[in-house]
Protein backbone atom coordinates (compact mmCIF):
# COMPACT_ATOMS: atom_id res chain seq x y z
CA ARG A 1 -18.37 29.59 117.13
CA SER A 2 -19.32 29.61 113.48
CA LEU A 3 -22.48 29.89 111.42
CA LEU A 4 -22.81 27.26 108.67
CA CYS A 5 -25.04 27.25 105.61
CA ALA A 6 -25.05 25.12 102.47
CA ASP A 7 -26.64 25.46 99.06
CA SER A 8 -28.06 23.49 96.14
CA ARG A 9 -24.83 23.90 94.16
CA GLY A 10 -22.69 21.94 96.62
CA SER A 11 -21.19 24.91 98.45
CA LEU A 12 -20.61 25.31 102.18
CA TRP A 13 -20.74 28.84 103.60
CA CYS A 14 -18.99 29.56 106.91
CA SER A 15 -18.87 32.68 109.03
CA LEU A 16 -17.73 33.48 112.53
CA TRP A 17 -20.74 34.09 114.73
CA ASP A 18 -20.78 36.42 117.69
CA PRO A 19 -23.62 35.46 120.07
CA THR A 20 -23.38 38.87 121.77
CA VAL A 21 -24.55 40.65 118.59
CA THR A 22 -28.23 40.40 117.75
CA PRO A 23 -29.36 40.08 114.10
CA VAL A 24 -30.88 43.57 114.27
CA GLU A 25 -27.46 45.00 115.16
CA GLN A 26 -26.00 43.25 112.09
CA ALA A 27 -28.65 44.60 109.71
CA ASN A 28 -26.19 47.03 108.12
CA PRO A 29 -24.59 45.14 105.16
CA GLN A 30 -21.23 46.80 105.87
CA GLU A 31 -21.25 45.15 109.30
CA GLN A 32 -22.19 41.66 108.10
CA PRO A 33 -19.74 38.91 109.08
CA ASN A 34 -17.23 37.78 106.50
CA TRP A 35 -18.38 34.62 104.78
CA THR A 36 -16.12 31.92 103.38
CA ARG A 37 -17.47 29.81 100.51
CA LYS A 38 -16.04 26.38 99.74
CA GLN A 39 -17.18 23.93 97.08
CA VAL A 40 -17.63 20.72 99.11
CA HIS A 41 -19.85 18.49 96.95
CA SER A 42 -20.70 17.98 93.28
CA ASP A 43 -24.46 18.18 93.95
CA ARG A 44 -26.77 19.88 96.46
CA VAL A 45 -25.81 19.72 100.12
CA THR A 46 -28.65 18.19 102.10
CA ALA A 47 -27.20 18.09 105.62
CA VAL A 48 -24.59 19.83 107.75
CA THR A 49 -23.57 18.97 111.30
CA GLU A 50 -20.55 19.89 113.38
CA THR A 51 -18.38 18.94 116.31
CA GLU A 52 -15.69 20.99 118.02
CA GLU A 53 -13.11 19.90 115.44
CA LEU A 54 -15.11 18.82 112.39
CA ILE A 55 -17.77 19.96 109.97
CA VAL A 56 -19.64 17.01 108.43
CA THR A 57 -21.67 17.42 105.24
CA GLY A 58 -24.00 15.12 103.29
CA SER A 59 -25.12 15.49 99.70
CA TYR A 60 -27.16 14.24 96.77
CA ASP A 61 -23.79 13.17 95.33
CA ARG A 62 -24.13 10.18 97.76
CA THR A 63 -21.20 11.23 99.96
CA VAL A 64 -20.66 12.22 103.56
CA ARG A 65 -17.53 14.36 103.85
CA LEU A 66 -15.61 15.43 106.93
CA TRP A 67 -13.85 18.82 107.03
CA ASP A 68 -11.33 20.21 109.48
CA ARG A 69 -13.06 23.21 111.11
CA GLN A 70 -9.97 25.41 111.10
CA SER A 71 -8.56 24.78 107.60
CA LEU A 72 -11.72 23.55 105.81
CA LYS A 73 -9.59 20.75 104.33
CA GLN A 74 -11.30 17.44 103.69
CA VAL A 75 -10.26 14.83 106.25
CA GLY A 76 -12.72 12.01 105.56
CA LEU A 77 -15.15 10.53 103.05
CA PHE A 78 -17.94 7.94 103.18
CA THR A 79 -20.06 6.93 100.17
CA CYS A 80 -23.69 5.86 100.52
CA GLN A 81 -25.78 3.82 98.05
CA ALA A 82 -28.10 6.76 97.27
CA PRO A 83 -28.33 10.53 97.88
CA VAL A 84 -27.82 11.49 101.52
CA LEU A 85 -31.02 12.91 103.01
CA CYS A 86 -30.13 13.32 106.69
CA LEU A 87 -27.05 13.42 108.87
CA GLU A 88 -26.42 14.00 112.56
CA ALA A 89 -23.59 13.75 115.07
CA ASN A 90 -24.38 11.94 118.31
CA PRO A 91 -24.60 14.64 121.03
CA ALA A 92 -23.51 12.12 123.69
CA ASP A 93 -20.41 11.07 121.72
CA LEU A 94 -19.31 13.46 118.96
CA SER A 95 -17.08 10.80 117.36
CA LEU A 96 -20.26 8.96 116.32
CA GLY A 97 -22.88 9.91 113.79
CA ALA A 98 -25.62 8.55 111.59
CA CYS A 99 -26.90 9.31 108.13
CA GLY A 100 -29.77 8.12 105.98
CA ASP A 101 -30.04 7.92 102.21
CA ALA A 102 -32.81 8.01 99.62
CA ALA A 103 -32.73 4.19 99.29
CA GLY A 104 -33.91 3.97 102.90
CA ASP A 105 -30.55 2.81 104.26
CA LEU A 106 -29.31 4.01 107.64
CA TYR A 107 -25.56 4.19 108.29
CA PHE A 108 -23.88 4.45 111.67
CA LEU A 109 -20.53 6.22 111.35
CA ARG A 110 -17.50 6.70 113.58
CA TRP A 111 -14.92 9.37 112.85
CA SER A 112 -11.67 10.29 114.54
CA SER A 113 -11.61 13.48 116.57
CA CYS A 114 -8.18 14.38 115.17
CA PRO A 115 -8.09 13.10 111.58
CA SER A 116 -5.20 13.71 109.25
CA PRO A 117 -6.00 15.68 106.08
CA VAL A 118 -6.57 13.81 102.82
CA GLU A 119 -6.46 15.26 99.34
CA GLY A 120 -9.80 16.14 97.79
């Protein structure tokens, strides 16, 4: 399992998460998990969701991007009409998702569970 965070500069932060270790036990900075930072958008990241194989991010740059969980390589891209404000995978079918943008549009998305990497 991983812990995911994103920031206002378009970065995604990933770390392995051990559910058997409580936050108090990880209070020592020398024992903090190793974080990986990847620039994933050109503007602030507003939403992050995940499936077993994918990390999906949305941003003020108007894009929804799909990332392979293992390699963090981009495997998909969808462009909205306005900044992405919300994004979620369907818990009943993780190949489906939805996102909403600042123009008030709602998009229903379908992604492959085993996409092939694209450059980007």
